[in-house]
Amino acid sequence: MPISYSLELPTQRVDAGAEFVSASAISDVARAAEEAGFAAVHVTDHPAPDAKWLDHGGHHALDPFVALSFAAAATSTVKVLTNVYIAAYRNPFLGAKSIQSLAVLSGNRLIVGAAAGYLKPEFRALGVDFDTRGALFDEALDVLQKVLSGADLAYVGSSFSARGVRLRPLPATAPPIWIGGNSKPAVRRAVTHAQGWAPFNTFGYAAASRTAEISTLDELESAITWARAYAAEVGRTEPLDICFSAGNLLDDDRSTDERHAIVDRLAAAGVTWLTIAPAGHDRAEYVELAAAFAKEFITT
């Protein structure tokens, strides 16, 4: 089965202003992705990044649900992916409402990539206890799945109490949930509570993102082997999507043959999705590079 690809909406490129961070930019890139054959477009989630992180390679981000709403409005078939939404940053019901709203307005094209998060200063700025992020993430997933079932919800959480809560409108089908992160807890959540797992290339800096190192194909293959073993252990029989953010493993400075070999190896390992982020200096070049990648790698 061929790999599906998601193109990054480069809305973190605030240095370029409206060239990338504008309604027209989101619409243009999303339409170009759809026309080129990308299966999805995606954005990340950093509502309150700290200056130290930004000064050492971090990035800004638009609100993911707002940005993806613009992408969905400009397209008709391409899926919209949060890669990834940090559930612990928001009250679980507010998060569920955003997810529910985008799923409905996009015509059931939303994929919810979600993770526990790793930026301690961002948690502090948002008034969220960093040390309980795993438990808060589990709580948010539980609330989301109950909300999407359509049931009236009574729920006593860590910092809230809900009684008889009913969220509407319901999407025609519940959006798939992919759990982001490289750690074993992330894999366990994906296997037991979700439809997919979204590991990412750590570029050799796993400690900075408080996760397990995956910066080589060998490390990814080992992690996938562990995920499959855990799935067998708990009795999961349905397939698990694996969406890998490959980063520099698929950079343009590698030869086409080398990149094809990497993609083939990823597919053989069980990867079903790859995220792509070209290095275009402006919108036109970004779209051009994305189209060139699609022509070479995407089977339509």
C-alpha atoms as a PDB file:
ATOM      1  CA  MET A   1       0.000   0.000   0.000  1.00  0.00           C
ATOM      2  CA  PRO A   2       1.536   3.362  -0.999  1.00  0.00           C
ATOM      3  CA  ILE A   3       2.410   5.932   1.632  1.00  0.00           C
ATOM      4  CA  SER A   4       0.139   8.972   1.980  1.00  0.00           C
ATOM      5  CA  TYR A   5       1.726  12.400   2.368  1.00  0.00           C
ATOM      6  CA  SER A   6       0.811  15.500   4.351  1.00  0.00           C
ATOM      7  CA  LEU A   7       2.185  18.915   3.378  1.00  0.00           C
ATOM      8  CA  GLU A   8       2.986  21.405   6.106  1.00  0.00           C
ATOM      9  CA  LEU A   9       1.222  24.748   5.934  1.00  0.00           C
ATOM     10  CA  PRO A  10       4.242  27.014   6.657  1.00  0.00           C
ATOM     11  CA  THR A  11       2.376  29.325   9.014  1.00  0.00           C
ATOM     12  CA  GLN A  12       5.285  29.239  11.478  1.00  0.00           C
ATOM     13  CA  ARG A  13       7.236  31.405   9.003  1.00  0.00           C
ATOM     14  CA  VAL A  14       6.222  34.651  10.688  1.00  0.00           C
ATOM     15  CA  ASP A  15       9.432  36.318   9.491  1.00  0.00           C
ATOM     16  CA  ALA A  16       7.951  36.369   5.989  1.00  0.00           C
ATOM     17  CA  GLY A  17       4.728  38.028   7.098  1.00  0.00           C
ATOM     18  CA  ALA A  18       1.740  37.657   4.789  1.00  0.00           C
ATOM     19  CA  GLU A  19       3.807  35.621   2.319  1.00  0.00           C
ATOM     20  CA  PHE A  20       3.140  32.598   4.543  1.00  0.00           C
ATOM     21  CA  VAL A  21       0.988  33.833   7.431  1.00  0.00           C
ATOM     22  CA  SER A  22      -2.217  35.035   5.820  1.00  0.00           C
ATOM     23  CA  ALA A  23      -5.562  33.734   4.664  1.00  0.00           C
ATOM     24  CA  SER A  24      -4.423  33.800   1.049  1.00  0.00           C
ATOM     25  CA  ALA A  25      -1.211  31.918   1.861  1.00  0.00           C
ATOM     26  CA  ILE A  26      -3.050  29.149   3.691  1.00  0.00           C
ATOM     27  CA  SER A  27      -5.598  28.908   0.885  1.00  0.00           C
ATOM     28  CA  ASP A  28      -2.975  28.886  -1.876  1.00  0.00           C
ATOM     29  CA  VAL A  29      -0.782  26.233  -0.252  1.00  0.00           C
ATOM     30  CA  ALA A  30      -3.748  24.053   0.706  1.00  0.00           C
ATOM     31  CA  ARG A  31      -5.180  24.178  -2.827  1.00  0.00           C
ATOM     32  CA  ALA A  32      -1.758  23.432  -4.303  1.00  0.00           C
ATOM     33  CA  ALA A  33      -1.407  20.441  -1.973  1.00  0.00           C
ATOM     34  CA  GLU A  34      -4.799  19.105  -3.023  1.00  0.00           C
ATOM     35  CA  GLU A  35      -4.046  19.560  -6.725  1.00  0.00           C
ATOM     36  CA  ALA A  36      -0.633  17.882  -6.376  1.00  0.00           C
ATOM     37  CA  GLY A  37      -2.066  14.798  -4.701  1.00  0.00           C
ATOM     38  CA  PHE A  38      -1.119  15.307  -1.075  1.00  0.00           C
ATOM     39  CA  ALA A  39      -3.565  13.491   1.181  1.00  0.00           C
ATOM     40  CA  ALA A  40      -3.488  16.121   3.935  1.00  0.00           C
ATOM     41  CA  VAL A  41      -2.134  19.465   5.069  1.00  0.00           C
ATOM     42  CA  HIS A  42      -1.006  20.050   8.629  1.00  0.00           C
ATOM     43  CA  VAL A  43       0.016  22.587  11.250  1.00  0.00           C
ATOM     44  CA  THR A  44       1.412  22.384  14.759  1.00  0.00           C
ATOM     45  CA  ASP A  45       0.354  23.897  18.109  1.00  0.00           C
ATOM     46  CA  HIS A  46       2.407  26.370  20.172  1.00  0.00           C
ATOM     47  CA  PRO A  47       0.155  29.009  21.774  1.00  0.00           C
ATOM     48  CA  ALA A  48       2.789  30.446  24.162  1.00  0.00           C
ATOM     49  CA  PRO A  49       6.357  29.469  23.191  1.00  0.00           C
ATOM     50  CA  ASP A  50       9.187  30.910  25.279  1.00  0.00           C
ATOM     51  CA  ALA A  51      11.906  33.132  23.839  1.00  0.00           C
ATOM     52  CA  LYS A  52      14.763  30.766  24.726  1.00  0.00           C
ATOM     53  CA  TRP A  53      13.176  27.935  22.734  1.00  0.00           C
ATOM     54  CA  LEU A  54      12.380  30.262  19.836  1.00  0.00           C
ATOM     55  CA  ASP A  55      15.971  31.540  19.788  1.00  0.00           C
ATOM     56  CA  HIS A  56      17.306  27.974  19.581  1.00  0.00           C
ATOM     57  CA  GLY A  57      15.337  26.635  16.638  1.00  0.00           C
ATOM     58  CA  GLY A  58      11.748  26.775  17.903  1.00  0.00           C
ATOM     59  CA  HIS A  59       8.900  28.370  16.003  1.00  0.00           C
ATOM     60  CA  HIS A  60       5.638  30.233  16.296  1.00  0.00           C
ATOM     61  CA  ALA A  61       2.266  28.774  15.330  1.00  0.00           C
ATOM     62  CA  LEU A  62      -1.218  29.949  14.535  1.00  0.00           C
ATOM     63  CA  ASP A  63      -4.086  28.401  16.437  1.00  0.00           C
ATOM     64  CA  PRO A  64      -4.295  25.013  14.686  1.00  0.00           C
ATOM     65  CA  PHE A  65      -8.071  24.905  14.431  1.00  0.00           C
ATOM     66  CA  VAL A  66      -8.318  28.411  12.992  1.00  0.00           C
ATOM     67  CA  ALA A  67      -5.543  27.789  10.463  1.00  0.00           C
ATOM     68  CA  LEU A  68      -6.973  24.448   9.364  1.00  0.00           C
ATOM     69  CA  SER A  69     -10.448  25.957   9.034  1.00  0.00           C
ATOM     70  CA  PHE A  70      -9.069  28.337   6.391  1.00  0.00           C
ATOM     71  CA  ALA A  71      -7.407  25.386   4.637  1.00  0.00           C
ATOM     72  CA  ALA A  72     -10.609  23.357   4.704  1.00  0.00           C
ATOM     73  CA  ALA A  73     -12.670  26.250   3.357  1.00  0.00           C
ATOM     74  CA  ALA A  74     -10.322  26.616   0.374  1.00  0.00           C
ATOM     75  CA  THR A  75     -10.367  22.919  -0.573  1.00  0.00           C
ATOM     76  CA  SER A  76     -12.767  20.027  -0.983  1.00  0.00           C
ATOM     77  CA  THR A  77     -10.932  16.717  -0.576  1.00  0.00           C
ATOM     78  CA  VAL A  78      -7.572  17.150   1.157  1.00  0.00           C
ATOM     79  CA  LYS A  79      -7.612  16.200   4.831  1.00  0.00           C
ATOM     80  CA  VAL A  80      -6.595  18.607   7.600  1.00  0.00           C
ATOM     81  CA  LEU A  81      -4.248  17.319  10.300  1.00  0.00           C
ATOM     82  CA  THR A  82      -3.185  18.713  13.660  1.00  0.00           C
ATOM     83  CA  ASN A  83       0.449  17.681  13.929  1.00  0.00           C
ATOM     84  CA  VAL A  84       0.220  17.904  16.830  1.00  0.00           C
ATOM     85  CA  TYR A  85      -2.427  19.387  19.101  1.00  0.00           C
ATOM     86  CA  ILE A  86      -1.366  19.599  22.771  1.00  0.00           C
ATOM     87  CA  ALA A  87      -4.533  18.552  24.553  1.00  0.00           C
ATOM     88  CA  ALA A  88      -3.363  19.440  28.069  1.00  0.00           C
ATOM     89  CA  TYR A  89      -3.157  23.133  27.143  1.00  0.00           C
ATOM     90  CA  ARG A  90      -6.950  23.397  27.041  1.00  0.00           C
ATOM     91  CA  ASN A  91      -9.959  22.389  29.068  1.00  0.00           C
ATOM     92  CA  PRO A  92     -11.018  19.015  27.587  1.00  0.00           C
ATOM     93  CA  PHE A  93     -14.467  20.304  26.638  1.00  0.00           C
ATOM     94  CA  LEU A  94     -13.062  23.371  24.869  1.00  0.00           C
ATOM     95  CA  GLY A  95     -10.674  21.106  22.992  1.00  0.00           C
ATOM     96  CA  ALA A  96     -13.469  18.698  22.105  1.00  0.00           C
ATOM     97  CA  LYS A  97     -15.630  21.577  20.848  1.00  0.00           C
ATOM     98  CA  SER A  98     -12.834  22.810  18.552  1.00  0.00           C
ATOM     99  CA  ILE A  99     -12.308  19.291  17.211  1.00  0.00           C
ATOM    100  CA  GLN A 100     -16.026  18.705  16.771  1.00  0.00           C
ATOM    101  CA  SER A 101     -16.479  22.052  15.010  1.00  0.00           C
ATOM    102  CA  LEU A 102     -13.629  21.563  12.548  1.00  0.00           C
ATOM    103  CA  ALA A 103     -14.656  17.973  11.828  1.00  0.00           C
ATOM    104  CA  VAL A 104     -18.173  19.122  10.905  1.00  0.00           C
ATOM    105  CA  LEU A 105     -17.182  22.242   8.946  1.00  0.00           C
ATOM    106  CA  SER A 106     -14.492  20.409   6.968  1.00  0.00           C
ATOM    107  CA  GLY A 107     -16.904  17.682   5.906  1.00  0.00           C
ATOM    108  CA  ASN A 108     -15.274  15.022   8.066  1.00  0.00           C
ATOM    109  CA  ARG A 109     -11.760  15.701   6.776  1.00  0.00           C
ATOM    110  CA  LEU A 110     -10.095  16.225  10.159  1.00  0.00           C
ATOM    111  CA  ILE A 111      -7.379  13.961  11.558  1.00  0.00           C
ATOM    112  CA  VAL A 112      -6.557  14.720  15.188  1.00  0.00           C
ATOM    113  CA  GLY A 113      -2.862  14.324  15.866  1.00  0.00           C
ATOM    114  CA  ALA A 114      -2.421  14.932  19.591  1.00  0.00           C
ATOM    115  CA  ALA A 115       0.372  14.652  22.138  1.00  0.00           C
ATOM    116  CA  ALA A 116       1.252  15.261  25.771  1.00  0.00           C
ATOM    117  CA  GLY A 117       3.636  18.156  25.038  1.00  0.00           C
ATOM    118  CA  TYR A 118       7.181  18.877  26.153  1.00  0.00           C
ATOM    119  CA  LEU A 119       7.800  22.629  26.560  1.00  0.00           C
ATOM    120  CA  LYS A 120       7.833  23.272  30.297  1.00  0.00           C
ATOM    121  CA  PRO A 121       7.786  27.101  29.998  1.00  0.00           C
ATOM    122  CA  GLU A 122       4.749  26.895  27.709  1.00  0.00           C
ATOM    123  CA  PHE A 123       2.878  24.809  30.277  1.00  0.00           C
ATOM    124  CA  ARG A 124       3.843  27.338  32.950  1.00  0.00           C
ATOM    125  CA  ALA A 125       2.618  30.266  30.845  1.00  0.00           C
ATOM    126  CA  LEU A 126      -0.721  28.545  30.317  1.00  0.00           C
ATOM    127  CA  GLY A 127      -1.159  27.686  33.990  1.00  0.00           C
ATOM    128  CA  VAL A 128      -0.931  23.929  33.454  1.00  0.00           C
ATOM    129  CA  ASP A 129       1.073  21.572  35.671  1.00  0.00           C
ATOM    130  CA  PHE A 130       3.824  20.155  33.469  1.00  0.00           C
ATOM    131  CA  ASP A 131       4.385  17.118  35.679  1.00  0.00           C
ATOM    132  CA  THR A 132       0.784  15.939  35.246  1.00  0.00           C
ATOM    133  CA  ARG A 133       0.698  16.374  31.462  1.00  0.00           C
ATOM    134  CA  GLY A 134       0.395  12.635  30.832  1.00  0.00           C
ATOM    135  CA  ALA A 135      -2.601  12.282  33.122  1.00  0.00           C
ATOM    136  CA  LEU A 136      -4.173  15.437  31.660  1.00  0.00           C
ATOM    137  CA  PHE A 137      -3.688  14.060  28.157  1.00  0.00           C
ATOM    138  CA  ASP A 138      -5.369  10.785  29.097  1.00  0.00           C
ATOM    139  CA  GLU A 139      -8.234  12.738  30.636  1.00  0.00           C
ATOM    140  CA  ALA A 140      -8.652  14.852  27.489  1.00  0.00           C
ATOM    141  CA  LEU A 141      -8.664  11.758  25.268  1.00  0.00           C
ATOM    142  CA  ASP A 142     -11.277  10.125  27.468  1.00  0.00           C
ATOM    143  CA  VAL A 143     -13.529  13.198  27.372  1.00  0.00           C
ATOM    144  CA  LEU A 144     -13.087  13.586  23.602  1.00  0.00           C
ATOM    145  CA  GLN A 145     -14.057  10.012  22.858  1.00  0.00           C
ATOM    146  CA  LYS A 146     -17.110  10.249  25.111  1.00  0.00           C
ATOM    147  CA  VAL A 147     -18.150  13.557  23.521  1.00  0.00           C
ATOM    148  CA  LEU A 148     -17.825  12.084  20.027  1.00  0.00           C
ATOM    149  CA  SER A 149     -20.025   9.152  21.044  1.00  0.00           C
ATOM    150  CA  GLY A 150     -22.912  11.594  21.406  1.00  0.00           C
ATOM    151  CA  ALA A 151     -23.723  10.637  24.979  1.00  0.00           C
ATOM    152  CA  ASP A 152     -24.713  13.106  27.685  1.00  0.00           C
ATOM    153  CA  LEU A 153     -21.605  13.311  29.790  1.00  0.00           C
ATOM    154  CA  ALA A 154     -21.106  13.296  33.548  1.00  0.00           C
ATOM    155  CA  TYR A 155     -17.409  13.586  34.301  1.00  0.00           C
ATOM    156  CA  VAL A 156     -15.335  14.605  37.299  1.00  0.00           C
ATOM    157  CA  GLY A 157     -11.907  15.635  36.088  1.00  0.00           C
ATOM    158  CA  SER A 158      -8.757  16.877  37.740  1.00  0.00           C
ATOM    159  CA  SER A 159      -9.893  20.510  37.673  1.00  0.00           C
ATOM    160  CA  PHE A 160     -13.487  20.434  36.416  1.00  0.00           C
ATOM    161  CA  SER A 161     -16.801  18.740  37.004  1.00  0.00           C
ATOM    162  CA  ALA A 162     -19.347  18.144  34.244  1.00  0.00           C
ATOM    163  CA  ARG A 163     -22.896  16.929  34.712  1.00  0.00           C
ATOM    164  CA  GLY A 164     -25.276  16.204  31.847  1.00  0.00           C
ATOM    165  CA  VAL A 165     -23.085  17.942  29.260  1.00  0.00           C
ATOM    166  CA  ARG A 166     -24.123  17.436  25.622  1.00  0.00           C
ATOM    167  CA  LEU A 167     -21.960  18.751  22.770  1.00  0.00           C
ATOM    168  CA  ARG A 168     -23.395  19.205  19.288  1.00  0.00           C
ATOM    169  CA  PRO A 169     -23.189  19.048  16.332  1.00  0.00           C
ATOM    170  CA  LEU A 170     -21.711  15.596  15.986  1.00  0.00           C
ATOM    171  CA  PRO A 171     -19.572  14.845  12.916  1.00  0.00           C
ATOM    172  CA  ALA A 172     -20.952  12.122  10.665  1.00  0.00           C
ATOM    173  CA  THR A 173     -18.003   9.962  11.697  1.00  0.00           C
ATOM    174  CA  ALA A 174     -15.579  10.474  14.552  1.00  0.00           C
ATOM    175  CA  PRO A 175     -12.240  11.846  13.318  1.00  0.00           C
ATOM    176  CA  PRO A 176      -9.305   9.457  13.598  1.00  0.00           C
ATOM    177  CA  ILE A 177      -6.947  10.171  16.474  1.00  0.00           C
ATOM    178  CA  TRP A 178      -3.191   9.798  16.108  1.00  0.00           C
ATOM    179  CA  ILE A 179      -0.994   9.959  19.192  1.00  0.00           C
ATOM    180  CA  GLY A 180       2.220  11.914  18.744  1.00  0.00           C
ATOM    181  CA  GLY A 181       5.525  11.198  20.441  1.00  0.00           C
ATOM    182  CA  ASN A 182       8.315   8.656  20.442  1.00  0.00           C
ATOM    183  CA  SER A 183       8.112   7.395  24.015  1.00  0.00           C
ATOM    184  CA  LYS A 184       6.655   4.093  25.120  1.00  0.00           C
ATOM    185  CA  PRO A 185       3.746   5.850  26.898  1.00  0.00           C
ATOM    186  CA  ALA A 186       2.897   7.519  23.568  1.00  0.00           C
ATOM    187  CA  VAL A 187       2.973   4.172  21.784  1.00  0.00           C
ATOM    188  CA  ARG A 188       0.798   2.579  24.471  1.00  0.00           C
ATOM    189  CA  ARG A 189      -1.773   5.371  24.124  1.00  0.00           C
ATOM    190  CA  ALA A 190      -1.790   4.988  20.357  1.00  0.00           C
ATOM    191  CA  VAL A 191      -2.269   1.237  20.496  1.00  0.00           C
ATOM    192  CA  THR A 192      -4.976   1.258  23.172  1.00  0.00           C
ATOM    193  CA  HIS A 193      -6.868   4.507  22.502  1.00  0.00           C
ATOM    194  CA  ALA A 194      -6.282   5.675  18.934  1.00  0.00           C
ATOM    195  CA  GLN A 195      -6.198   4.890  15.249  1.00  0.00           C
ATOM    196  CA  GLY A 196      -2.626   5.981  14.653  1.00  0.00           C
ATOM    197  CA  TRP A 197       0.794   6.810  16.056  1.00  0.00           C
ATOM    198  CA  ALA A 198       2.833   9.858  14.979  1.00  0.00           C
ATOM    199  CA  PRO A 199       6.537   9.561  15.817  1.00  0.00           C
ATOM    200  CA  PHE A 200       8.978  12.251  14.696  1.00  0.00           C
ATOM    201  CA  ASN A 201      12.619  12.681  13.780  1.00  0.00           C
ATOM    202  CA  THR A 202      14.412  14.119  16.824  1.00  0.00           C
ATOM    203  CA  PHE A 203      17.540  15.082  14.836  1.00  0.00           C
ATOM    204  CA  GLY A 204      19.675  13.727  17.701  1.00  0.00           C
ATOM    205  CA  TYR A 205      18.138  16.097  20.261  1.00  0.00           C
ATOM    206  CA  ALA A 206      15.630  13.820  21.971  1.00  0.00           C
ATOM    207  CA  ALA A 207      16.419  15.164  25.441  1.00  0.00           C
ATOM    208  CA  ALA A 208      15.271  18.646  24.413  1.00  0.00           C
ATOM    209  CA  SER A 209      11.842  17.319  23.470  1.00  0.00           C
ATOM    210  CA  ARG A 210      11.681  14.912  26.422  1.00  0.00           C
ATOM    211  CA  THR A 211      11.064  11.858  24.294  1.00  0.00           C
ATOM    212  CA  ALA A 212      12.833   8.789  22.949  1.00  0.00           C
ATOM    213  CA  GLU A 213      15.470   9.195  20.272  1.00  0.00           C
ATOM    214  CA  ILE A 214      14.377   8.500  16.703  1.00  0.00           C
ATOM    215  CA  SER A 215      16.823  10.090  14.293  1.00  0.00           C
ATOM    216  CA  THR A 216      17.738   7.071  12.163  1.00  0.00           C
ATOM    217  CA  LEU A 217      15.768   4.510  10.213  1.00  0.00           C
ATOM    218  CA  ASP A 218      17.116   1.776  12.482  1.00  0.00           C
ATOM    219  CA  GLU A 219      15.699   3.554  15.534  1.00  0.00           C
ATOM    220  CA  LEU A 220      12.317   4.008  13.863  1.00  0.00           C
ATOM    221  CA  GLU A 221      12.170   0.365  12.799  1.00  0.00           C
ATOM    222  CA  SER A 222      12.994  -0.706  16.347  1.00  0.00           C
ATOM    223  CA  ALA A 223      10.207   1.506  17.720  1.00  0.00           C
ATOM    224  CA  ILE A 224       7.694   0.107  15.214  1.00  0.00           C
ATOM    225  CA  THR A 225       8.691  -3.433  16.163  1.00  0.00           C
ATOM    226  CA  TRP A 226       8.038  -2.578  19.817  1.00  0.00           C
ATOM    227  CA  ALA A 227       4.655  -1.029  18.925  1.00  0.00           C
ATOM    228  CA  ARG A 228       3.613  -4.157  17.045  1.00  0.00           C
ATOM    229  CA  ALA A 229       4.692  -6.374  19.924  1.00  0.00           C
ATOM    230  CA  TYR A 230       2.693  -4.259  22.367  1.00  0.00           C
ATOM    231  CA  ALA A 231      -0.354  -4.359  20.074  1.00  0.00           C
ATOM    232  CA  ALA A 232      -0.141  -8.152  19.994  1.00  0.00           C
ATOM    233  CA  GLU A 233       0.256  -8.234  23.771  1.00  0.00           C
ATOM    234  CA  VAL A 234      -2.940  -6.253  24.381  1.00  0.00           C
ATOM    235  CA  GLY A 235      -4.883  -7.998  21.615  1.00  0.00           C
ATOM    236  CA  ARG A 236      -5.211  -5.160  19.123  1.00  0.00           C
ATOM    237  CA  THR A 237      -6.114  -6.551  15.706  1.00  0.00           C
ATOM    238  CA  GLU A 238      -7.024  -3.444  13.679  1.00  0.00           C
ATOM    239  CA  PRO A 239      -4.240  -1.732  11.692  1.00  0.00           C
ATOM    240  CA  LEU A 240      -2.380   1.194  13.247  1.00  0.00           C
ATOM    241  CA  ASP A 241      -1.588   4.148  10.998  1.00  0.00           C
ATOM    242  CA  ILE A 242       1.981   5.366  11.472  1.00  0.00           C
ATOM    243  CA  CYS A 243       2.612   8.970  10.447  1.00  0.00           C
ATOM    244  CA  PHE A 244       6.321   9.790  10.579  1.00  0.00           C
ATOM    245  CA  SER A 245       7.660  13.336  10.496  1.00  0.00           C
ATOM    246  CA  ALA A 246      10.900  12.469   8.725  1.00  0.00           C
ATOM    247  CA  GLY A 247      12.547  15.890   8.749  1.00  0.00           C
ATOM    248  CA  ASN A 248      16.038  15.859   7.245  1.00  0.00           C
ATOM    249  CA  LEU A 249      15.780  12.213   6.201  1.00  0.00           C
ATOM    250  CA  LEU A 250      13.962  13.418   3.069  1.00  0.00           C
ATOM    251  CA  ASP A 251      15.713  16.762   2.521  1.00  0.00           C
ATOM    252  CA  ASP A 252      16.114  18.044  -1.029  1.00  0.00           C
ATOM    253  CA  ASP A 253      19.918  17.818  -0.749  1.00  0.00           C
ATOM    254  CA  ARG A 254      19.641  14.016  -0.876  1.00  0.00           C
ATOM    255  CA  SER A 255      19.554  12.395  -4.294  1.00  0.00           C
ATOM    256  CA  THR A 256      16.245  11.225  -5.717  1.00  0.00           C
ATOM    257  CA  ASP A 257      17.439   7.617  -5.626  1.00  0.00           C
ATOM    258  CA  GLU A 258      18.436   7.950  -1.978  1.00  0.00           C
ATOM    259  CA  ARG A 259      15.081   9.437  -1.045  1.00  0.00           C
ATOM    260  CA  HIS A 260      13.220   6.708  -2.928  1.00  0.00           C
ATOM    261  CA  ALA A 261      15.235   4.097  -1.050  1.00  0.00           C
ATOM    262  CA  ILE A 262      14.343   5.752   2.258  1.00  0.00           C
ATOM    263  CA  VAL A 263      10.639   5.906   1.379  1.00  0.00           C
ATOM    264  CA  ASP A 264      10.675   2.257   0.319  1.00  0.00           C
ATOM    265  CA  ARG A 265      12.315   1.279   3.597  1.00  0.00           C
ATOM    266  CA  LEU A 266       9.791   3.309   5.598  1.00  0.00           C
ATOM    267  CA  ALA A 267       6.895   1.655   3.765  1.00  0.00           C
ATOM    268  CA  ALA A 268       8.377  -1.785   4.391  1.00  0.00           C
ATOM    269  CA  ALA A 269       8.675  -0.944   8.086  1.00  0.00           C
ATOM    270  CA  GLY A 270       4.967  -0.111   8.273  1.00  0.00           C
ATOM    271  CA  VAL A 271       4.893   3.678   7.893  1.00  0.00           C
ATOM    272  CA  THR A 272       1.610   4.704   6.247  1.00  0.00           C
ATOM    273  CA  TRP A 273       1.971   8.506   6.260  1.00  0.00           C
ATOM    274  CA  LEU A 274       4.863  10.959   5.903  1.00  0.00           C
ATOM    275  CA  THR A 275       4.840  14.695   6.588  1.00  0.00           C
ATOM    276  CA  ILE A 276       6.680  16.972   4.185  1.00  0.00           C
ATOM    277  CA  ALA A 277       7.920  20.558   4.673  1.00  0.00           C
ATOM    278  CA  PRO A 278       9.802  22.050   1.694  1.00  0.00           C
ATOM    279  CA  ALA A 279      12.313  24.840   2.235  1.00  0.00           C
ATOM    280  CA  GLY A 280      10.896  27.421  -0.164  1.00  0.00           C
ATOM    281  CA  HIS A 281      11.962  31.035   0.360  1.00  0.00           C
ATOM    282  CA  ASP A 282       8.585  32.370  -0.720  1.00  0.00           C
ATOM    283  CA  ARG A 283       5.106  31.029  -1.397  1.00  0.00           C
ATOM    284  CA  ALA A 284       5.707  30.375  -5.085  1.00  0.00           C
ATOM    285  CA  GLU A 285       8.894  28.398  -4.447  1.00  0.00           C
ATOM    286  CA  TYR A 286       7.273  26.478  -1.602  1.00  0.00           C
ATOM    287  CA  VAL A 287       4.409  25.405  -3.850  1.00  0.00           C
ATOM    288  CA  GLU A 288       6.837  24.598  -6.676  1.00  0.00           C
ATOM    289  CA  LEU A 289       8.973  22.359  -4.437  1.00  0.00           C
ATOM    290  CA  ALA A 290       5.883  20.639  -3.048  1.00  0.00           C
ATOM    291  CA  ALA A 291       4.606  19.954  -6.562  1.00  0.00           C
ATOM    292  CA  ALA A 292       7.997  18.580  -7.620  1.00  0.00           C
ATOM    293  CA  PHE A 293       8.047  16.259  -4.608  1.00  0.00           C
ATOM    294  CA  ALA A 294       4.519  15.088  -5.364  1.00  0.00           C
ATOM    295  CA  LYS A 295       5.341  14.409  -9.010  1.00  0.00           C
ATOM    296  CA  GLU A 296       8.280  12.239  -7.966  1.00  0.00           C
ATOM    297  CA  PHE A 297       6.862  10.401  -4.956  1.00  0.00           C
ATOM    298  CA  ILE A 298       3.071  10.463  -4.838  1.00  0.00           C
ATOM    299  CA  THR A 299       1.255   7.673  -6.643  1.00  0.00           C
ATOM    300  CA  THR A 300      -2.181   8.808  -7.797  1.00  0.00           C
END
